[in-house]
């Protein structure tokens, strides 16, 4: 029944344009990170997330102070309705959402990404709609607005060169970023500055 409700909400988001979550610009928030506590949080969450994603095509990456679930668009969204999630994704996304919902200390930032083919404005819109579709699952699980943010990045943060089919496929993705709730707004502020976020991504990938 919950999966049916989830599908209905996602259909609402993609077909009629309604939205459960508004993507509002966030002001930078200076947050002192307790690295010892954050490391303990990461160590606790990582194995549980890997268990929740077992059997799916999602990837899990640990970068500095966050954990990132990466859902490739080509295996997650309907090719005929590019902003609609495939039913096979509802199980793993719902398990992650349930894991997070019960922990008030954890926040979630959902980022939609596109490749650079086509118009930039359309890519940004599509990446936003895909982020909304994933965020809807977390909202249905009970995650409150102060712990759930989203942003459509368009093609601002590629993971690979866009000059090949394989590279473009890597760039089309949705990332679910898990972070301590106290640092959520500061994290969004970082992604509101794509060059800074891209630099942070490049550093983390070389470690």
Protein backbone atom coordinates (compact mmCIF):
# COMPACT_ATOMS: atom_id res chain seq x y z
CA UNK A 1 0.00 0.00 0.00
CA UNK A 2 2.82 2.42 0.89
CA UNK A 3 4.47 1.77 -2.48
CA UNK A 4 1.18 2.56 -4.23
CA UNK A 5 0.92 5.84 -2.33
CA UNK A 6 4.52 6.62 -3.21
CA UNK A 7 3.87 5.97 -6.89
CA UNK A 8 0.78 8.19 -6.78
CA UNK A 9 2.72 11.10 -5.29
CA UNK A 10 5.54 10.70 -7.79
CA UNK A 11 2.99 10.67 -10.61
CA UNK A 12 1.55 13.89 -9.19
CA UNK A 13 4.98 15.50 -9.18
CA UNK A 14 5.80 14.52 -12.74
CA UNK A 15 2.44 14.71 -14.48
CA UNK A 16 0.67 17.70 -12.98
CA UNK A 17 3.61 19.72 -11.75
CA UNK A 18 2.60 19.81 -8.09
CA UNK A 19 5.38 19.88 -5.51
CA UNK A 20 5.68 18.71 -1.94
CA UNK A 21 8.92 20.57 -1.34
CA UNK A 22 9.98 24.04 -2.36
CA UNK A 23 13.63 24.60 -3.27
CA UNK A 24 14.34 27.94 -1.57
CA UNK A 25 17.76 29.57 -1.55
CA UNK A 26 19.51 28.96 1.71
CA UNK A 27 21.65 31.44 3.55
CA UNK A 28 25.09 30.14 4.52
CA UNK A 29 25.15 28.92 8.09
CA UNK A 30 28.39 28.83 10.03
CA UNK A 31 28.46 25.46 11.73
CA UNK A 32 31.29 24.10 13.82
CA UNK A 33 31.76 20.46 12.88
CA UNK A 34 32.53 18.01 15.64
CA UNK A 35 34.71 15.72 13.55
CA UNK A 36 34.92 12.99 16.20
CA UNK A 37 31.12 12.82 16.52
CA UNK A 38 30.69 12.99 12.74
CA UNK A 39 33.14 10.15 12.20
CA UNK A 40 31.21 8.03 14.69
CA UNK A 41 27.97 8.92 12.89
CA UNK A 42 29.46 7.88 9.54
CA UNK A 43 30.77 4.61 10.96
CA UNK A 44 27.33 3.83 12.37
CA UNK A 45 25.34 4.70 9.25
CA UNK A 46 27.51 3.29 6.48
CA UNK A 47 26.93 -0.44 7.09
CA UNK A 48 23.19 0.07 7.57
CA UNK A 49 22.95 2.00 4.32
CA UNK A 50 24.86 -0.70 2.44
CA UNK A 51 22.43 -3.27 3.78
CA UNK A 52 19.45 -1.13 2.70
CA UNK A 53 20.87 -0.82 -0.83
CA UNK A 54 21.82 -4.48 -1.21
CA UNK A 55 20.60 -5.93 -4.52
CA UNK A 56 19.96 -2.51 -6.10
CA UNK A 57 21.95 -0.65 -8.77
CA UNK A 58 22.58 2.24 -6.40
CA UNK A 59 26.07 3.10 -5.20
CA UNK A 60 27.15 4.38 -1.79
CA UNK A 61 30.09 6.74 -1.41
CA UNK A 62 31.63 8.19 1.74
CA UNK A 63 33.06 11.67 1.20
CA UNK A 64 34.54 13.64 4.05
CA UNK A 65 31.60 14.32 6.41
CA UNK A 66 28.73 12.88 4.34
CA UNK A 67 27.39 9.64 2.89
CA UNK A 68 26.01 9.77 -0.65
CA UNK A 69 23.59 7.32 -2.25
CA UNK A 70 23.94 7.58 -6.03
CA UNK A 71 21.03 6.49 -8.23
CA UNK A 72 21.90 6.33 -11.95
CA UNK A 73 19.12 7.85 -14.02
CA UNK A 74 19.23 5.19 -16.74
CA UNK A 75 18.43 2.43 -14.23
CA UNK A 76 16.09 4.48 -12.03
CA UNK A 77 13.78 6.58 -14.22
CA UNK A 78 11.28 5.73 -16.95
CA UNK A 79 12.88 6.44 -20.36
CA UNK A 80 9.48 7.45 -21.75
CA UNK A 81 8.69 9.73 -18.78
CA UNK A 82 12.12 11.02 -17.77
CA UNK A 83 11.14 12.38 -14.35
CA UNK A 84 9.18 9.31 -13.19
CA UNK A 85 10.89 6.72 -11.02
CA UNK A 86 10.78 3.07 -12.04
CA UNK A 87 9.01 0.75 -9.55
CA UNK A 88 12.26 -1.16 -8.93
CA UNK A 89 13.70 1.91 -7.17
CA UNK A 90 10.91 2.31 -4.62
CA UNK A 91 12.13 -0.53 -2.38
CA UNK A 92 15.73 0.66 -1.81
CA UNK A 93 14.73 4.33 -1.58
CA UNK A 94 12.02 3.47 0.95
CA UNK A 95 14.45 1.45 3.07
CA UNK A 96 16.90 4.36 3.15
CA UNK A 97 14.07 6.78 3.99
CA UNK A 98 12.86 4.57 6.83
CA UNK A 99 16.39 4.31 8.21
CA UNK A 100 16.79 8.10 8.24
CA UNK A 101 13.30 9.01 9.42
CA UNK A 102 13.79 7.48 12.85
CA UNK A 103 16.95 9.49 13.57
CA UNK A 104 16.35 13.19 14.29
CA UNK A 105 20.09 13.89 14.12
CA UNK A 106 20.30 13.12 10.38
CA UNK A 107 19.40 15.43 7.48
CA UNK A 108 19.01 14.66 3.77
CA UNK A 109 19.87 16.75 0.72
CA UNK A 110 18.61 15.34 -2.60
CA UNK A 111 20.51 16.55 -5.67
CA UNK A 112 19.40 16.01 -9.25
CA UNK A 113 22.12 15.99 -11.94
CA UNK A 114 21.99 15.97 -15.74
CA UNK A 115 24.47 15.64 -18.59
CA UNK A 116 25.29 18.64 -20.76
CA UNK A 117 23.36 17.60 -23.86
CA UNK A 118 20.38 19.79 -24.71
CA UNK A 119 19.44 23.21 -23.33
CA UNK A 120 20.76 24.16 -19.92
CA UNK A 121 17.37 25.41 -18.72
CA UNK A 122 15.70 22.11 -19.64
CA UNK A 123 18.45 20.08 -18.00
CA UNK A 124 18.09 22.11 -14.81
CA UNK A 125 14.31 21.69 -14.80
CA UNK A 126 14.56 17.94 -15.38
CA UNK A 127 17.18 17.50 -12.66
CA UNK A 128 14.92 19.42 -10.26
CA UNK A 129 11.93 17.21 -11.12
CA UNK A 130 13.98 14.06 -10.55
CA UNK A 131 15.14 15.37 -7.17
CA UNK A 132 11.49 16.07 -6.29
CA UNK A 133 10.47 12.54 -7.24
CA UNK A 134 13.06 11.02 -4.91
CA UNK A 135 12.32 13.53 -2.14
CA UNK A 136 8.65 12.53 -2.25
CA UNK A 137 9.58 9.08 -0.97
CA UNK A 138 11.34 10.59 2.05
CA UNK A 139 8.40 12.91 2.74
CA UNK A 140 5.97 9.98 2.65
CA UNK A 141 8.18 8.14 5.11
CA UNK A 142 7.69 11.03 7.54
CA UNK A 143 10.85 13.08 7.15
CA UNK A 144 10.09 16.67 8.16
CA UNK A 145 10.89 19.68 5.99
CA UNK A 146 13.62 20.96 8.29
CA UNK A 147 15.51 17.71 7.66
CA UNK A 148 14.92 17.39 3.90
CA UNK A 149 16.17 19.75 1.19
CA UNK A 150 16.50 19.36 -2.56
CA UNK A 151 18.16 21.07 -5.49
CA UNK A 152 18.36 20.56 -9.25
CA UNK A 153 21.99 21.02 -10.28
CA UNK A 154 21.52 20.62 -14.02
CA UNK A 155 24.88 19.81 -15.61
CA UNK A 156 26.94 21.91 -13.16
CA UNK A 157 28.67 18.96 -11.46
CA UNK A 158 29.65 16.24 -13.96
CA UNK A 159 31.36 13.08 -12.71
CA UNK A 160 32.85 12.39 -16.13
CA UNK A 161 33.44 14.05 -19.51
CA UNK A 162 30.29 14.52 -21.57
CA UNK A 163 31.99 13.57 -24.85
CA UNK A 164 31.03 9.89 -24.63
CA UNK A 165 27.87 7.88 -24.08
CA UNK A 166 29.36 6.31 -20.96
CA UNK A 167 30.37 9.68 -19.53
CA UNK A 168 26.93 11.20 -20.08
CA UNK A 169 25.32 8.18 -18.40
CA UNK A 170 27.50 8.71 -15.30
CA UNK A 171 26.50 12.37 -15.18
CA UNK A 172 22.76 11.62 -15.25
CA UNK A 173 22.08 10.74 -11.63
CA UNK A 174 20.32 11.62 -8.40
CA UNK A 175 22.39 11.86 -5.24
CA UNK A 176 20.90 11.46 -1.78
CA UNK A 177 23.35 13.13 0.59
CA UNK A 178 23.09 12.16 4.27
CA UNK A 179 24.65 14.54 6.76
CA UNK A 180 24.30 15.46 10.44
CA UNK A 181 21.15 17.60 10.63
CA UNK A 182 23.03 20.52 12.18
CA UNK A 183 25.15 20.92 9.02
CA UNK A 184 22.33 20.51 6.45
CA UNK A 185 21.83 24.19 5.60
CA UNK A 186 25.56 24.81 5.35
CA UNK A 187 25.81 21.84 2.98
CA UNK A 188 23.09 23.26 0.72
CA UNK A 189 24.85 26.62 0.72
CA UNK A 190 27.94 24.86 -0.60
CA UNK A 191 25.96 23.34 -3.48
CA UNK A 192 24.50 26.76 -4.25
CA UNK A 193 28.06 27.59 -5.30
CA UNK A 194 28.76 24.96 -8.02
CA UNK A 195 32.47 25.79 -8.55
CA UNK A 196 33.12 25.35 -4.83
CA UNK A 197 31.10 22.14 -4.72
CA UNK A 198 32.85 20.84 -7.85
CA UNK A 199 36.24 21.52 -6.26
CA UNK A 200 35.19 19.65 -3.12
CA UNK A 201 34.01 16.72 -5.24
CA UNK A 202 37.30 16.62 -7.15
CA UNK A 203 39.29 16.58 -3.92
CA UNK A 204 37.19 13.79 -2.42
CA UNK A 205 37.54 11.64 -5.54
CA UNK A 206 41.34 11.81 -5.41
CA UNK A 207 41.53 10.53 -1.83
